């Protein structure tokens, strides 16, 4: 008998290899990730994210200025160390605790955390179903009716194996979105602290300006009275009287203007504190325009700017988008699902617990969207284009941060120079006014136009000097705003409804290192009393 030989095993192995090769060939043709890259990515399709380069200068434009220090920025509680103002410290603490915009940002963190939990849930069986049913049935035949019941209970689940990293990429995206929400919260805090400090400086500056204007009103009123006396005595003309009245009324008109701006600043501060607008000047107490040191530590641009929370938020949004590319690409490949169902059934309830009433099934299934008409590829292209957009957004945020920092630095440095000039001008105008008013009061023959101009100049120069001092302090605020000062916040971890302790300790600036504005500019506002403001009630409370 002739034996018929069986096909050799190498041929069978070759056929299996051919089938596998065809499958991998199809995947390589339609997919975006090679098998080697898929393995290197931890069995995930799509790109692995890497933080991109950002356009940052090596040094500040004014780095050679002796007032610009390259020491690391200590900006967590910059308002306390820069201004040494206990009232401002209390206001910042209250704003952090009560500001509604901060609470909105906190709620968005909670939302992002919940979405992350949803994404993590995708790593486990995506479908679980527990079902039970009962029915009473009736069948009719030739001359008889049959009644019977049907009981059943079952549990089933389906688990799509994360073979291509679809769900792991979704978790990556959710993690990055949560980080972005945290940094968005940080950006809100940075803005809030800077706005509170800037508004507070505005209020103190306007208070000083208002007092200066009122003092000049009294000065010009005395001149007007002298002019009337001299007119009655025939020593001056009515033109001088009317000119003196015009100067007086013109200066008086500045009072409601400054008061209007002051009230608006108070209203803004109230909203920042999370409270309805109300009159708070008496509650804040008197105070001077904050005095600051002429030097400031800025660190190096790369270390300072890239830590801004808005810049880090943009980078985290980019990372989330990178993961979404992998999620979209996973739709190109077959989805393998393991599913199973177990249950029991019977015609009576007690039969559910008898042997033989159980049933079940288990097995894999494959779902592959092969005729998608370009929809999946279009989605991948969209996610990649979105990634390119967010990459530019991130790089642009770094450029804008650099611009804001440089703008703030030059404002701080040049406002000091402007302040010194304004102080000299205000001092000269005050001295000139003192001399010419004395001469005019003693009856000397002086053209009243000169008196008129000198008194108006005094008012303008003193108000300008007060504004210049406020601008120096605003320059500090602008610098720390541009560097992300106030984040991480020293108040993190404080529960809502509990007033956090003010950050920082009161420090006495070393002699010779601060701008000596109070030694030159007459400031009628009293020193800050030895009390503090309860940020919950905004009422004076003794230490």
Protein backbone atom coordinates (compact mmCIF):
# COMPACT_ATOMS: atom_id res chain seq x y z
CA UNK A 1 0.00 0.00 0.00
CA UNK A 2 1.29 3.38 -0.93
CA UNK A 3 1.44 5.90 1.94
CA UNK A 4 0.20 9.39 1.30
CA UNK A 5 2.54 11.83 2.97
CA UNK A 6 1.14 14.66 5.10
CA UNK A 7 1.99 18.28 4.21
CA UNK A 8 5.17 19.32 5.97
CA UNK A 9 4.80 21.54 9.05
CA UNK A 10 7.00 24.33 7.68
CA UNK A 11 4.37 24.97 5.01
CA UNK A 12 1.59 25.28 7.63
CA UNK A 13 3.79 27.62 9.68
CA UNK A 14 4.42 29.64 6.57
CA UNK A 15 0.70 30.04 5.93
CA UNK A 16 0.11 31.32 9.46
CA UNK A 17 3.01 33.73 9.10
CA UNK A 18 1.58 34.91 5.82
CA UNK A 19 -1.79 35.63 7.42
CA UNK A 20 -0.17 37.50 10.30
CA UNK A 21 1.99 39.38 7.85
CA UNK A 22 -1.06 40.40 5.86
CA UNK A 23 -2.74 41.68 9.01
CA UNK A 24 0.33 43.67 10.05
CA UNK A 25 0.70 44.91 6.50
CA UNK A 26 -2.85 46.26 6.51
CA UNK A 27 -2.24 47.93 9.86
CA UNK A 28 0.98 49.49 8.64
CA UNK A 29 -0.72 50.78 5.51
CA UNK A 30 -3.61 52.43 7.28
CA UNK A 31 -2.06 53.20 10.67
CA UNK A 32 0.21 56.00 11.80
CA UNK A 33 2.30 54.11 14.36
CA UNK A 34 4.82 51.42 13.40
CA UNK A 35 5.00 48.16 15.41
CA UNK A 36 8.38 49.17 16.81
CA UNK A 37 7.07 52.55 17.91
CA UNK A 38 3.95 50.89 19.32
CA UNK A 39 6.11 48.68 21.53
CA UNK A 40 8.43 51.56 22.47
CA UNK A 41 5.39 53.64 23.47
CA UNK A 42 4.34 50.99 25.99
CA UNK A 43 1.91 49.30 23.57
CA UNK A 44 0.13 52.54 22.79
CA UNK A 45 -0.44 54.13 19.39
CA UNK A 46 0.04 57.82 18.87
CA UNK A 47 2.98 60.04 19.84
CA UNK A 48 4.59 60.11 23.27
CA UNK A 49 4.55 63.70 24.48
CA UNK A 50 7.72 65.70 25.12
CA UNK A 51 7.78 69.26 26.43
CA UNK A 52 8.60 71.51 23.47
CA UNK A 53 11.21 74.23 23.40
CA UNK A 54 10.07 77.75 24.20
CA UNK A 55 11.49 81.07 22.97
CA UNK A 56 13.05 82.60 26.09
CA UNK A 57 15.85 85.16 26.21
CA UNK A 58 19.00 84.40 28.17
CA UNK A 59 18.87 87.60 30.20
CA UNK A 60 16.77 90.67 30.89
CA UNK A 61 17.26 93.77 28.78
CA UNK A 62 18.11 95.79 31.91
CA UNK A 63 20.28 93.08 33.46
CA UNK A 64 23.21 95.50 33.76
CA UNK A 65 21.19 97.88 35.94
CA UNK A 66 22.39 97.54 39.54
CA UNK A 67 18.77 97.60 40.71
CA UNK A 68 18.02 94.39 38.80
CA UNK A 69 19.22 91.43 40.85
CA UNK A 70 19.64 87.93 39.44
CA UNK A 71 18.71 86.32 42.76
CA UNK A 72 15.85 83.78 42.54
CA UNK A 73 12.40 85.29 42.68
CA UNK A 74 10.73 84.84 46.07
CA UNK A 75 7.22 85.69 44.97
CA UNK A 76 4.91 83.46 47.00
CA UNK A 77 4.10 86.30 49.41
CA UNK A 78 5.67 89.19 47.53
CA UNK A 79 3.07 91.76 48.70
CA UNK A 80 4.09 91.24 52.33
CA UNK A 81 7.84 91.42 51.75
CA UNK A 82 7.64 94.29 49.23
CA UNK A 83 5.19 96.69 50.93
CA UNK A 84 5.27 95.77 54.63
CA UNK A 85 1.66 96.92 54.98
CA UNK A 86 -0.48 94.96 57.49
CA UNK A 87 -3.73 96.26 56.00
CA UNK A 88 -2.75 95.02 52.53
CA UNK A 89 -1.75 91.65 54.01
CA UNK A 90 -5.21 91.27 55.53
CA UNK A 91 -6.93 92.29 52.30
CA UNK A 92 -5.01 89.71 50.25
CA UNK A 93 -5.84 86.99 52.78
CA UNK A 94 -9.52 87.89 52.69
CA UNK A 95 -9.60 88.07 48.90
CA UNK A 96 -8.06 84.62 48.58
CA UNK A 97 -10.61 83.21 50.99
CA UNK A 98 -13.72 84.90 49.60
CA UNK A 99 -13.16 85.91 45.97
CA UNK A 100 -15.80 84.30 43.75
CA UNK A 101 -13.58 83.98 40.68
CA UNK A 102 -11.13 81.90 42.72
CA UNK A 103 -14.00 79.69 43.85
CA UNK A 104 -15.06 79.23 40.22
CA UNK A 105 -11.53 78.12 39.33
CA UNK A 106 -11.58 75.73 42.28
CA UNK A 107 -14.84 74.22 41.02
CA UNK A 108 -13.21 73.67 37.62
CA UNK A 109 -10.47 71.66 39.34
CA UNK A 110 -13.16 69.47 40.88
CA UNK A 111 -14.71 69.00 37.44
CA UNK A 112 -11.36 68.00 35.92
CA UNK A 113 -10.77 65.56 38.78
CA UNK A 114 -14.17 63.95 38.18
CA UNK A 115 -13.47 63.64 34.44
CA UNK A 116 -10.18 61.95 35.27
CA UNK A 117 -12.06 59.39 37.37
CA UNK A 118 -14.32 58.75 34.39
CA UNK A 119 -11.30 58.22 32.15
CA UNK A 120 -9.72 55.80 34.63
CA UNK A 121 -12.97 53.83 34.68
CA UNK A 122 -12.42 53.05 31.00
CA UNK A 123 -9.49 50.81 31.93
CA UNK A 124 -11.92 48.36 33.58
CA UNK A 125 -14.89 46.51 32.06
CA UNK A 126 -16.74 49.25 30.27
CA UNK A 127 -20.16 47.59 30.42
CA UNK A 128 -21.70 45.80 33.37
CA UNK A 129 -25.37 44.86 33.41
CA UNK A 130 -27.42 43.14 36.09
CA UNK A 131 -30.85 42.16 34.87
CA UNK A 132 -33.90 40.33 36.16
CA UNK A 133 -37.28 39.64 34.62
CA UNK A 134 -40.59 37.97 35.36
CA UNK A 135 -43.50 37.31 33.06
CA UNK A 136 -46.81 35.48 33.31
CA UNK A 137 -47.67 33.83 30.02
CA UNK A 138 -50.86 32.43 28.50
CA UNK A 139 -51.10 30.08 25.56
CA UNK A 140 -54.39 28.91 24.08
CA UNK A 141 -55.10 25.81 22.08
CA UNK A 142 -58.00 23.68 20.95
CA UNK A 143 -60.24 23.78 23.97
CA UNK A 144 -57.59 24.54 26.58
CA UNK A 145 -55.65 27.43 28.06
CA UNK A 146 -52.19 27.07 29.53
CA UNK A 147 -50.80 29.46 32.12
CA UNK A 148 -47.12 29.47 33.07
CA UNK A 149 -44.55 31.87 34.50
CA UNK A 150 -41.00 32.67 33.51
CA UNK A 151 -38.27 33.87 35.91
CA UNK A 152 -34.75 34.87 34.95
CA UNK A 153 -31.76 36.75 36.32
CA UNK A 154 -28.43 37.44 34.68
CA UNK A 155 -25.21 39.41 34.93
CA UNK A 156 -23.13 40.36 31.93
CA UNK A 157 -20.07 42.42 31.22
CA UNK A 158 -18.01 43.51 28.24
CA UNK A 159 -14.37 44.54 28.45
CA UNK A 160 -12.61 46.07 25.51
CA UNK A 161 -8.95 45.15 25.88
CA UNK A 162 -6.82 48.30 25.75
CA UNK A 163 -4.61 46.70 23.10
CA UNK A 164 -3.77 49.96 21.34
CA UNK A 165 -3.67 52.24 24.40
CA UNK A 166 -6.94 54.02 23.67
CA UNK A 167 -8.03 54.23 27.29
CA UNK A 168 -4.53 54.79 28.66
CA UNK A 169 -4.13 57.75 26.31
CA UNK A 170 -7.49 59.05 27.55
CA UNK A 171 -6.17 58.88 31.13
CA UNK A 172 -3.03 60.76 30.03
CA UNK A 173 -5.23 63.47 28.54
CA UNK A 174 -7.34 63.65 31.70
CA UNK A 175 -4.23 63.90 33.88
CA UNK A 176 -2.92 66.78 31.79
CA UNK A 177 -6.34 68.47 31.84
CA UNK A 178 -6.37 68.24 35.64
CA UNK A 179 -2.91 69.83 35.76
CA UNK A 180 -4.13 72.55 33.43
CA UNK A 181 -7.11 73.23 35.71
CA UNK A 182 -4.78 73.55 38.70
CA UNK A 183 -2.57 76.02 36.83
CA UNK A 184 -5.64 77.93 35.68
CA UNK A 185 -6.51 78.26 39.36
CA UNK A 186 -2.98 79.52 39.94
CA UNK A 187 -3.34 82.09 37.17
CA UNK A 188 -6.55 83.34 38.78
CA UNK A 189 -4.78 83.64 42.14
CA UNK A 190 -1.86 85.55 40.58
CA UNK A 191 -4.26 87.96 38.92
CA UNK A 192 -6.34 88.34 42.08
CA UNK A 193 -3.38 89.17 44.33
CA UNK A 194 -2.01 91.66 41.81
CA UNK A 195 -5.43 93.28 41.37
CA UNK A 196 -5.92 93.63 45.14
CA UNK A 197 -2.48 95.18 45.56
CA UNK A 198 -2.89 97.48 42.56
CA UNK A 199 -6.34 98.62 43.71
CA UNK A 200 -5.08 99.19 47.23
CA UNK A 201 -2.21 101.32 45.89
CA UNK A 202 -4.71 103.25 43.78
CA UNK A 203 -6.81 103.95 46.88
CA UNK A 204 -3.84 105.15 48.91
CA UNK A 205 -2.62 107.27 45.98
CA UNK A 206 -6.03 108.82 45.49
CA UNK A 207 -6.34 109.52 49.22
CA UNK A 208 -3.02 111.36 49.10
CA UNK A 209 -3.99 113.27 45.97
CA UNK A 210 -7.31 114.23 47.52
CA UNK A 211 -5.62 115.60 50.64
CA UNK A 212 -3.10 117.54 48.53
CA UNK A 213 -5.88 119.05 46.42
CA UNK A 214 -7.82 120.05 49.55
CA UNK A 215 -4.72 121.70 51.01
CA UNK A 216 -4.21 123.63 47.80
CA UNK A 217 -7.87 124.66 47.84
CA UNK A 218 -7.34 126.18 51.28
CA UNK A 219 -4.15 127.87 50.10
CA UNK A 220 -5.90 129.41 47.10
CA UNK A 221 -8.89 130.39 49.20
CA UNK A 222 -6.58 132.42 51.41
CA UNK A 223 -5.11 134.06 48.30
CA UNK A 224 -8.62 134.83 47.05
CA UNK A 225 -9.51 136.47 50.40
CA UNK A 226 -6.34 138.57 50.24
CA UNK A 227 -7.18 139.60 46.67
CA UNK A 228 -10.65 140.75 47.72
CA UNK A 229 -9.20 142.80 50.60
CA UNK A 230 -6.66 144.40 48.31
CA UNK A 231 -9.40 145.17 45.76
CA UNK A 232 -11.52 146.86 48.43
CA UNK A 233 -8.48 148.86 49.46
CA UNK A 234 -7.86 149.87 45.85
CA UNK A 235 -4.59 147.95 45.67
CA UNK A 236 -5.71 145.54 42.92
CA UNK A 237 -8.23 145.32 40.14
CA UNK A 238 -11.39 143.26 39.86
CA UNK A 239 -9.60 141.23 37.18
CA UNK A 240 -7.28 139.90 39.90
CA UNK A 241 -10.27 138.99 42.05
CA UNK A 242 -11.98 137.05 39.24
CA UNK A 243 -8.74 135.35 38.29
CA UNK A 244 -8.19 134.27 41.89
CA UNK A 245 -11.76 132.95 42.02
CA UNK A 246 -11.26 131.09 38.75
CA UNK A 247 -8.09 129.45 40.08
CA UNK A 248 -9.87 128.49 43.31
CA UNK A 249 -12.91 127.01 41.59
CA UNK A 250 -10.71 125.15 39.11
CA UNK A 251 -8.84 123.47 41.95
CA UNK A 252 -12.07 122.78 43.85
CA UNK A 253 -13.38 121.02 40.74
CA UNK A 254 -10.59 118.45 41.11
CA UNK A 255 -12.08 117.27 44.43
CA UNK A 256 -15.23 115.55 43.03
CA UNK A 257 -13.15 114.10 40.17
CA UNK A 258 -10.73 112.44 42.57
CA UNK A 259 -13.57 111.39 44.89
CA UNK A 260 -15.36 109.70 41.99
CA UNK A 261 -12.27 107.72 41.04
CA UNK A 262 -11.66 106.88 44.69
CA UNK A 263 -15.19 105.51 45.11
CA UNK A 264 -14.81 103.42 41.97
CA UNK A 265 -11.56 101.95 43.30
CA UNK A 266 -13.31 101.12 46.58
CA UNK A 267 -16.08 99.36 44.66
CA UNK A 268 -13.53 97.34 42.72
CA UNK A 269 -11.77 96.32 45.92
CA UNK A 270 -15.08 95.20 47.46
CA UNK A 271 -15.79 92.93 44.50
CA UNK A 272 -12.28 91.48 44.72
CA UNK A 273 -13.01 90.74 48.37
CA UNK A 274 -16.23 88.94 47.41
CA UNK A 275 -18.53 91.47 49.05
CA UNK A 276 -21.10 94.01 47.80
CA UNK A 277 -19.68 97.51 47.13
CA UNK A 278 -19.79 99.75 50.16
CA UNK A 279 -17.92 102.63 51.74
CA UNK A 280 -14.78 101.10 53.23
CA UNK A 281 -12.36 104.02 53.64
CA UNK A 282 -13.12 104.37 57.35
CA UNK A 283 -12.77 100.63 57.76
CA UNK A 284 -9.44 100.54 55.91
CA UNK A 285 -8.12 103.38 58.03
CA UNK A 286 -5.63 106.03 56.97
CA UNK A 287 -2.38 105.11 55.27
CA UNK A 288 0.37 106.31 52.98
CA UNK A 289 1.27 105.26 49.48
CA UNK A 290 3.42 102.13 49.92
CA UNK A 291 7.18 102.77 49.78
CA UNK A 292 9.33 100.12 48.13
CA UNK A 293 13.00 99.33 47.73
CA UNK A 294 14.76 100.48 44.59
CA UNK A 295 16.10 96.95 43.93
CA UNK A 296 14.22 93.83 42.94
CA UNK A 297 15.23 90.19 42.40
CA UNK A 298 14.16 88.81 39.02
CA UNK A 299 16.18 85.60 38.59
CA UNK A 300 16.83 84.47 35.02
CA UNK A 301 14.08 84.65 32.38
CA UNK A 302 13.85 80.92 31.69
CA UNK A 303 13.47 80.01 35.36
CA UNK A 304 11.07 82.87 36.11
CA UNK A 305 8.81 82.97 33.05
CA UNK A 306 8.33 79.24 32.44
CA UNK A 307 6.96 78.85 35.97
CA UNK A 308 4.08 81.26 35.37
CA UNK A 309 0.85 79.31 35.92
CA UNK A 310 -0.70 80.50 32.65
CA UNK A 311 2.39 79.32 30.73
CA UNK A 312 2.32 75.96 32.49
CA UNK A 313 -1.41 75.67 31.82
CA UNK A 314 -0.77 76.18 28.09
CA UNK A 315 1.91 73.48 28.19
CA UNK A 316 -0.41 71.03 29.98
CA UNK A 317 -3.17 71.68 27.45
CA UNK A 318 -0.65 70.80 24.76
CA UNK A 319 0.17 67.53 26.55
CA UNK A 320 -3.52 66.66 26.78
CA UNK A 321 -3.96 67.27 23.08
CA UNK A 322 -0.99 65.03 22.27
CA UNK A 323 -2.71 62.16 24.07
CA UNK A 324 -5.93 62.79 22.14
CA UNK A 325 -4.03 62.08 18.91
CA UNK A 326 -3.42 58.55 20.19
CA UNK A 327 -7.08 58.18 21.16
CA UNK A 328 -8.14 59.14 17.62
CA UNK A 329 -5.54 56.89 16.00
CA UNK A 330 -6.72 53.86 17.99
CA UNK A 331 -9.94 53.91 15.95
CA UNK A 332 -7.91 52.75 12.94
CA UNK A 333 -7.31 49.37 14.55
CA UNK A 334 -9.63 46.51 15.48
CA UNK A 335 -11.24 46.67 18.91
CA UNK A 336 -11.05 43.37 20.76
CA UNK A 337 -13.73 42.86 23.40
CA UNK A 338 -14.12 40.09 25.94
CA UNK A 339 -17.73 39.60 26.96
CA UNK A 340 -19.59 37.17 29.13
CA UNK A 341 -22.97 36.55 30.67
CA UNK A 342 -24.11 34.27 33.51
CA UNK A 343 -27.61 33.77 34.82
CA UNK A 344 -30.38 31.47 35.93
CA UNK A 345 -33.94 30.92 34.69
CA UNK A 346 -36.98 28.80 35.48
CA UNK A 347 -40.74 28.63 35.31
CA UNK A 348 -41.03 29.13 39.05
CA UNK A 349 -39.00 31.29 41.38
CA UNK A 350 -37.70 28.31 43.36
CA UNK A 351 -36.39 26.73 40.18
CA UNK A 352 -33.83 29.53 39.92
CA UNK A 353 -31.85 27.80 42.70
CA UNK A 354 -31.98 24.26 41.29
CA UNK A 355 -29.19 22.65 39.39
CA UNK A 356 -29.57 22.87 35.66
CA UNK A 357 -31.24 26.28 35.71
CA UNK A 358 -28.06 28.19 35.05
CA UNK A 359 -26.80 29.44 31.74
CA UNK A 360 -23.85 31.47 30.58
CA UNK A 361 -21.61 32.45 27.70
CA UNK A 362 -18.12 33.90 27.30
CA UNK A 363 -16.00 34.78 24.32
CA UNK A 364 -14.09 37.44 22.45
CA UNK A 365 -15.40 39.64 19.69
CA UNK A 366 -13.72 41.89 17.16
CA UNK A 367 -15.04 45.19 15.90
CA UNK A 368 -13.15 46.95 13.12
CA UNK A 369 -14.41 50.06 11.37
CA UNK A 370 -12.89 49.42 7.95
CA UNK A 371 -15.32 51.41 5.80
CA UNK A 372 -15.27 54.73 7.62
CA UNK A 373 -15.05 56.91 4.50
CA UNK A 374 -12.10 58.86 5.80
CA UNK A 375 -13.79 59.91 9.02
CA UNK A 376 -11.15 58.37 11.27
CA UNK A 377 -8.27 59.79 9.25
CA UNK A 378 -10.02 63.15 9.25
CA UNK A 379 -10.33 63.00 13.04
CA UNK A 380 -6.61 62.21 13.36
CA UNK A 381 -5.73 65.11 11.09
CA UNK A 382 -7.97 67.38 13.16
CA UNK A 383 -6.32 66.32 16.43
CA UNK A 384 -2.86 66.81 14.94
CA UNK A 385 -3.78 70.25 13.61
CA UNK A 386 -5.23 71.13 17.01
CA UNK A 387 -1.92 70.06 18.56
CA UNK A 388 -0.03 72.38 16.21
CA UNK A 389 -2.36 75.22 17.17
CA UNK A 390 -1.83 74.66 20.90
CA UNK A 391 1.92 74.40 20.34
CA UNK A 392 1.87 77.91 18.88
CA UNK A 393 -0.40 79.04 21.73
CA UNK A 394 2.16 77.77 24.25
CA UNK A 395 5.06 79.45 22.48
CA UNK A 396 3.06 82.67 22.16
CA UNK A 397 2.22 82.59 25.88
CA UNK A 398 5.96 82.48 26.64
CA UNK A 399 6.61 85.43 24.33
CA UNK A 400 3.78 87.45 25.90
CA UNK A 401 5.06 86.58 29.38
CA UNK A 402 8.51 87.84 28.40
CA UNK A 403 7.03 91.05 26.99
CA UNK A 404 4.94 91.67 30.12
CA UNK A 405 7.98 91.15 32.34
CA UNK A 406 10.15 93.51 30.30
CA UNK A 407 7.37 96.12 30.24
CA UNK A 408 7.02 95.87 34.02
CA UNK A 409 10.78 96.10 34.59
CA UNK A 410 11.20 99.25 32.51
CA UNK A 411 8.11 100.75 34.19
CA UNK A 412 9.61 100.07 37.62
CA UNK A 413 13.04 101.46 36.78
CA UNK A 414 11.93 104.52 34.83
CA UNK A 415 9.16 105.39 37.28
CA UNK A 416 11.85 105.76 39.95
CA UNK A 417 13.67 108.29 37.79
CA UNK A 418 10.41 110.08 37.05
CA UNK A 419 9.58 110.13 40.76
CA UNK A 420 12.84 111.84 41.68
CA UNK A 421 12.25 114.50 39.05
CA UNK A 422 8.65 115.03 40.15
CA UNK A 423 9.76 115.35 43.75
CA UNK A 424 12.23 118.06 42.82
CA UNK A 425 9.58 119.85 40.78
CA UNK A 426 7.01 119.59 43.59
CA UNK A 427 9.51 120.87 46.15
CA UNK A 428 10.48 123.81 43.93
CA UNK A 429 6.82 124.62 43.20
CA UNK A 430 5.99 124.54 46.92
CA UNK A 431 8.89 126.84 47.75
CA UNK A 432 7.98 129.23 44.93
CA UNK A 433 4.37 129.34 46.05
CA UNK A 434 5.41 130.03 49.65
CA UNK A 435 7.61 132.96 48.62
CA UNK A 436 5.25 134.58 46.13
CA UNK A 437 2.21 134.18 48.41
CA UNK A 438 4.11 135.85 51.23
CA UNK A 439 5.15 138.72 48.98
CA UNK A 440 1.62 139.17 47.65
CA UNK A 441 0.13 139.09 51.16
CA UNK A 442 2.60 141.77 52.27
CA UNK A 443 1.32 144.08 49.54
CA UNK A 444 4.18 143.96 47.09
CA UNK A 445 3.35 144.88 43.50
CA UNK A 446 3.21 141.47 41.79
CA UNK A 447 1.41 140.59 38.60
CA UNK A 448 -1.42 138.29 39.74
CA UNK A 449 -0.95 136.13 36.63
CA UNK A 450 2.28 135.02 38.21
CA UNK A 451 0.56 134.15 41.48
CA UNK A 452 -2.16 132.34 39.56
CA UNK A 453 0.34 130.26 37.58
CA UNK A 454 2.50 129.44 40.58
CA UNK A 455 -0.40 128.16 42.66
CA UNK A 456 -1.79 126.05 39.83
CA UNK A 457 1.66 124.65 39.15
CA UNK A 458 2.05 123.73 42.81
CA UNK A 459 -1.17 121.75 42.73
CA UNK A 460 -0.23 119.98 39.50
CA UNK A 461 3.31 119.11 40.59
CA UNK A 462 2.30 117.77 44.00
CA UNK A 463 -0.46 115.63 42.50
CA UNK A 464 1.97 114.42 39.83
CA UNK A 465 4.54 113.52 42.51
CA UNK A 466 1.95 111.50 44.44
CA UNK A 467 0.94 109.72 41.23
CA UNK A 468 4.62 109.03 40.44
CA UNK A 469 5.12 107.42 43.84
CA UNK A 470 2.08 105.25 43.27
CA UNK A 471 3.46 104.27 39.85
CA UNK A 472 6.69 103.02 41.45
CA UNK A 473 4.66 100.72 43.70
CA UNK A 474 2.51 99.71 40.73
CA UNK A 475 5.71 98.77 38.92
CA UNK A 476 6.45 96.22 41.66
CA UNK A 477 2.94 94.82 41.29
CA UNK A 478 3.36 94.57 37.52
CA UNK A 479 6.69 92.75 37.87
CA UNK A 480 5.35 90.10 40.22
CA UNK A 481 2.21 89.74 38.13
CA UNK A 482 4.37 89.10 35.06
CA UNK A 483 6.51 86.55 36.95
CA UNK A 484 3.56 84.63 38.39
CA UNK A 485 4.05 85.96 41.91
CA UNK A 486 1.56 84.68 44.47
CA UNK A 487 1.71 81.10 43.17
CA UNK A 488 2.04 78.60 44.70
CA UNK A 489 -0.10 80.48 47.17
CA UNK A 490 0.93 80.50 50.84
CA UNK A 491 -2.78 80.08 51.61
CA UNK A 492 -3.17 76.70 49.86
CA UNK A 493 -4.80 74.16 52.11
CA UNK A 494 -6.86 76.71 54.04
CA UNK A 495 -10.53 75.63 54.21
CA UNK A 496 -13.13 77.98 52.81
CA UNK A 497 -14.80 80.10 55.45
CA UNK A 498 -11.67 80.25 57.60
CA UNK A 499 -9.64 83.42 57.25
CA UNK A 500 -6.02 82.46 56.50
CA UNK A 501 -3.22 84.13 58.36
CA UNK A 502 -1.61 87.01 56.44
CA UNK A 503 1.55 85.97 54.65
CA UNK A 504 4.94 87.32 55.57
CA UNK A 505 6.38 89.16 58.51
CA UNK A 506 6.70 92.87 58.96
CA UNK A 507 10.21 93.92 57.94
CA UNK A 508 11.98 97.21 58.31
CA UNK A 509 13.78 98.01 55.02
CA UNK A 510 17.50 98.72 55.46
CA UNK A 511 18.40 102.40 55.52
CA UNK A 512 19.36 103.90 52.19
CA UNK A 513 17.73 101.18 50.08
CA UNK A 514 14.24 102.62 49.77
CA UNK A 515 12.94 105.55 47.78
CA UNK A 516 12.77 108.50 50.21
CA UNK A 517 9.58 110.02 48.91
CA UNK A 518 8.11 110.85 52.33
CA UNK A 519 11.17 112.94 53.15
CA UNK A 520 10.42 115.32 50.28
CA UNK A 521 6.75 115.07 49.37
CA UNK A 522 4.49 116.51 52.03
CA UNK A 523 2.01 113.80 52.91
CA UNK A 524 -0.91 114.95 55.07
CA UNK A 525 -2.16 111.41 55.60
CA UNK A 526 -1.44 110.04 59.09
CA UNK A 527 0.66 106.98 59.74
CA UNK A 528 -1.10 103.61 59.74
CA UNK A 529 -2.35 103.07 63.30
CA UNK A 530 -1.38 100.04 65.34
CA UNK A 531 -4.41 98.01 64.45
CA UNK A 532 -5.42 95.56 61.77
CA UNK A 533 -8.53 94.88 59.72
CA UNK A 534 -10.58 91.80 60.33
CA UNK A 535 -11.00 90.60 56.70
CA UNK A 536 -14.31 88.92 57.48
CA UNK A 537 -15.96 92.02 58.91
CA UNK A 538 -13.64 94.76 57.66
CA UNK A 539 -13.74 96.40 61.06
CA UNK A 540 -10.73 97.55 63.11
CA UNK A 541 -9.62 94.89 65.54
CA UNK A 542 -6.86 95.39 68.08
CA UNK A 543 -3.88 93.09 67.95
